[in-house]
């Protein structure tokens, strides 16, 4: 069923809000259960910025709690995930260009686990 409610129209904003809520839930669960993560090692943040300095400290973290212990803020976790710098699971983040092929291969392997 398509669930009633709402005033219809303007699904773009609602879709973005749903995606943000879903991401927040996934990240919260990963933080709570210590699920493995991978971060892009090539620092994508603006050189000289505070976020660049923080990213250098936490880019080798293997869980969200470790990321936070190394100086990341919760906003960094959300932002990095939304931009694809942080991936949930055990596959490495190789950057936008090569990510699709590596993700497909790792996805197949993760499905078997």
C-alpha atoms as a PDB file:
ATOM      1  CA  UNK A   1       0.000   0.000   0.000  1.00  0.00           C
ATOM      2  CA  UNK A   2       1.029   3.573  -0.466  1.00  0.00           C
ATOM      3  CA  UNK A   3       0.182   4.864   3.023  1.00  0.00           C
ATOM      4  CA  UNK A   4      -2.180   7.813   3.196  1.00  0.00           C
ATOM      5  CA  UNK A   5      -1.568  11.024   5.033  1.00  0.00           C
ATOM      6  CA  UNK A   6       0.440  14.022   3.965  1.00  0.00           C
ATOM      7  CA  UNK A   7      -0.715  16.763   1.650  1.00  0.00           C
ATOM      8  CA  UNK A   8       0.674  15.225  -1.542  1.00  0.00           C
ATOM      9  CA  UNK A   9       2.854  17.122  -3.986  1.00  0.00           C
ATOM     10  CA  UNK A  10       6.424  18.278  -3.341  1.00  0.00           C
ATOM     11  CA  UNK A  11       7.840  14.793  -2.836  1.00  0.00           C
ATOM     12  CA  UNK A  12      11.369  16.083  -3.495  1.00  0.00           C
ATOM     13  CA  UNK A  13      11.750  17.685  -0.071  1.00  0.00           C
ATOM     14  CA  UNK A  14      10.022  14.792   1.687  1.00  0.00           C
ATOM     15  CA  UNK A  15      12.249  12.351  -0.176  1.00  0.00           C
ATOM     16  CA  UNK A  16      15.352  14.199   1.005  1.00  0.00           C
ATOM     17  CA  UNK A  17      14.053  14.249   4.575  1.00  0.00           C
ATOM     18  CA  UNK A  18      13.346  10.508   4.427  1.00  0.00           C
ATOM     19  CA  UNK A  19      16.843   9.839   3.065  1.00  0.00           C
ATOM     20  CA  UNK A  20      18.417  11.977   5.815  1.00  0.00           C
ATOM     21  CA  UNK A  21      16.374  10.162   8.475  1.00  0.00           C
ATOM     22  CA  UNK A  22      17.383   6.798   7.017  1.00  0.00           C
ATOM     23  CA  UNK A  23      21.060   7.812   6.964  1.00  0.00           C
ATOM     24  CA  UNK A  24      20.870   9.071  10.549  1.00  0.00           C
ATOM     25  CA  UNK A  25      19.302   5.772  11.651  1.00  0.00           C
ATOM     26  CA  UNK A  26      21.928   3.681   9.821  1.00  0.00           C
ATOM     27  CA  UNK A  27      24.771   5.713  11.302  1.00  0.00           C
ATOM     28  CA  UNK A  28      23.261   5.628  14.783  1.00  0.00           C
ATOM     29  CA  UNK A  29      22.937   1.841  14.590  1.00  0.00           C
ATOM     30  CA  UNK A  30      26.520   1.543  13.309  1.00  0.00           C
ATOM     31  CA  UNK A  31      27.720   3.714  16.201  1.00  0.00           C
ATOM     32  CA  UNK A  32      25.821   1.665  18.766  1.00  0.00           C
ATOM     33  CA  UNK A  33      26.904  -1.770  17.557  1.00  0.00           C
ATOM     34  CA  UNK A  34      30.439  -0.815  16.471  1.00  0.00           C
ATOM     35  CA  UNK A  35      29.895  -1.893  12.857  1.00  0.00           C
ATOM     36  CA  UNK A  36      32.944  -1.606  10.598  1.00  0.00           C
ATOM     37  CA  UNK A  37      33.380   1.526   8.509  1.00  0.00           C
ATOM     38  CA  UNK A  38      35.881   2.751   5.954  1.00  0.00           C
ATOM     39  CA  UNK A  39      36.858   6.301   5.182  1.00  0.00           C
ATOM     40  CA  UNK A  40      38.392   7.686   2.013  1.00  0.00           C
ATOM     41  CA  UNK A  41      42.091   8.033   2.862  1.00  0.00           C
ATOM     42  CA  UNK A  42      42.724  10.912   0.461  1.00  0.00           C
ATOM     43  CA  UNK A  43      41.521  13.839   2.609  1.00  0.00           C
ATOM     44  CA  UNK A  44      38.702  15.558   0.653  1.00  0.00           C
ATOM     45  CA  UNK A  45      38.373  18.509   3.051  1.00  0.00           C
ATOM     46  CA  UNK A  46      39.620  22.014   2.312  1.00  0.00           C
ATOM     47  CA  UNK A  47      43.317  22.161   3.180  1.00  0.00           C
ATOM     48  CA  UNK A  48      43.894  24.505   6.115  1.00  0.00           C
ATOM     49  CA  UNK A  49      40.353  24.114   7.466  1.00  0.00           C
ATOM     50  CA  UNK A  50      39.510  22.705  10.892  1.00  0.00           C
ATOM     51  CA  UNK A  51      37.596  19.870   9.232  1.00  0.00           C
ATOM     52  CA  UNK A  52      40.732  18.952   7.216  1.00  0.00           C
ATOM     53  CA  UNK A  53      42.761  18.748  10.429  1.00  0.00           C
ATOM     54  CA  UNK A  54      40.059  16.602  12.094  1.00  0.00           C
ATOM     55  CA  UNK A  55      39.784  14.317   9.053  1.00  0.00           C
ATOM     56  CA  UNK A  56      43.541  13.672   9.154  1.00  0.00           C
ATOM     57  CA  UNK A  57      43.120  12.482  12.756  1.00  0.00           C
ATOM     58  CA  UNK A  58      40.168  10.163  12.159  1.00  0.00           C
ATOM     59  CA  UNK A  59      40.543   8.889   8.580  1.00  0.00           C
ATOM     60  CA  UNK A  60      41.991   5.533   9.721  1.00  0.00           C
ATOM     61  CA  UNK A  61      39.130   4.817  12.147  1.00  0.00           C
ATOM     62  CA  UNK A  62      37.435   1.464  11.672  1.00  0.00           C
ATOM     63  CA  UNK A  63      34.233   2.232  13.636  1.00  0.00           C
ATOM     64  CA  UNK A  64      32.147   5.341  14.282  1.00  0.00           C
ATOM     65  CA  UNK A  65      32.980   5.333  18.028  1.00  0.00           C
ATOM     66  CA  UNK A  66      36.673   5.265  17.087  1.00  0.00           C
ATOM     67  CA  UNK A  67      36.088   8.138  14.653  1.00  0.00           C
ATOM     68  CA  UNK A  68      34.498  10.176  17.455  1.00  0.00           C
ATOM     69  CA  UNK A  69      37.286   9.284  19.896  1.00  0.00           C
ATOM     70  CA  UNK A  70      39.814  10.527  17.330  1.00  0.00           C
ATOM     71  CA  UNK A  71      38.162  13.934  17.140  1.00  0.00           C
ATOM     72  CA  UNK A  72      35.328  13.653  14.607  1.00  0.00           C
ATOM     73  CA  UNK A  73      32.071  15.417  15.390  1.00  0.00           C
ATOM     74  CA  UNK A  74      28.691  13.801  14.780  1.00  0.00           C
ATOM     75  CA  UNK A  75      28.227  16.402  12.021  1.00  0.00           C
ATOM     76  CA  UNK A  76      31.429  15.078  10.387  1.00  0.00           C
ATOM     77  CA  UNK A  77      30.003  11.552  10.438  1.00  0.00           C
ATOM     78  CA  UNK A  78      26.770  12.656   8.732  1.00  0.00           C
ATOM     79  CA  UNK A  79      28.548  14.910   6.225  1.00  0.00           C
ATOM     80  CA  UNK A  80      31.206  12.343   5.294  1.00  0.00           C
ATOM     81  CA  UNK A  81      28.562   9.662   4.826  1.00  0.00           C
ATOM     82  CA  UNK A  82      26.361  11.950   2.717  1.00  0.00           C
ATOM     83  CA  UNK A  83      29.306  12.821   0.458  1.00  0.00           C
ATOM     84  CA  UNK A  84      30.486   9.234   0.118  1.00  0.00           C
ATOM     85  CA  UNK A  85      33.729   9.761   2.080  1.00  0.00           C
ATOM     86  CA  UNK A  86      32.539   7.258   4.704  1.00  0.00           C
ATOM     87  CA  UNK A  87      31.132   3.831   3.862  1.00  0.00           C
ATOM     88  CA  UNK A  88      29.447   1.399   6.215  1.00  0.00           C
ATOM     89  CA  UNK A  89      30.806  -2.120   5.998  1.00  0.00           C
ATOM     90  CA  UNK A  90      34.218  -3.577   5.402  1.00  0.00           C
ATOM     91  CA  UNK A  91      34.882  -2.359   1.870  1.00  0.00           C
ATOM     92  CA  UNK A  92      37.427   0.431   1.416  1.00  0.00           C
ATOM     93  CA  UNK A  93      36.373   3.828   0.081  1.00  0.00           C
ATOM     94  CA  UNK A  94      38.507   4.551  -2.959  1.00  0.00           C
ATOM     95  CA  UNK A  95      36.968   7.827  -4.046  1.00  0.00           C
ATOM     96  CA  UNK A  96      34.210   8.752  -6.465  1.00  0.00           C
ATOM     97  CA  UNK A  97      35.920   7.763  -9.725  1.00  0.00           C
ATOM     98  CA  UNK A  98      36.889   4.191  -8.914  1.00  0.00           C
ATOM     99  CA  UNK A  99      34.238   3.560  -6.281  1.00  0.00           C
ATOM    100  CA  UNK A 100      31.599   1.924  -8.477  1.00  0.00           C
ATOM    101  CA  UNK A 101      33.710  -1.044  -9.585  1.00  0.00           C
ATOM    102  CA  UNK A 102      35.187  -1.662  -6.141  1.00  0.00           C
ATOM    103  CA  UNK A 103      31.765  -1.310  -4.529  1.00  0.00           C
ATOM    104  CA  UNK A 104      30.229  -3.866  -6.875  1.00  0.00           C
ATOM    105  CA  UNK A 105      32.959  -6.399  -6.154  1.00  0.00           C
ATOM    106  CA  UNK A 106      32.824  -5.816  -2.404  1.00  0.00           C
ATOM    107  CA  UNK A 107      29.030  -5.889  -2.430  1.00  0.00           C
ATOM    108  CA  UNK A 108      29.095  -9.376  -3.925  1.00  0.00           C
ATOM    109  CA  UNK A 109      31.581 -10.512  -1.273  1.00  0.00           C
ATOM    110  CA  UNK A 110      29.585  -8.896   1.539  1.00  0.00           C
ATOM    111  CA  UNK A 111      26.449 -10.667   0.358  1.00  0.00           C
ATOM    112  CA  UNK A 112      28.148 -13.999   0.964  1.00  0.00           C
ATOM    113  CA  UNK A 113      29.124 -13.091   4.554  1.00  0.00           C
END
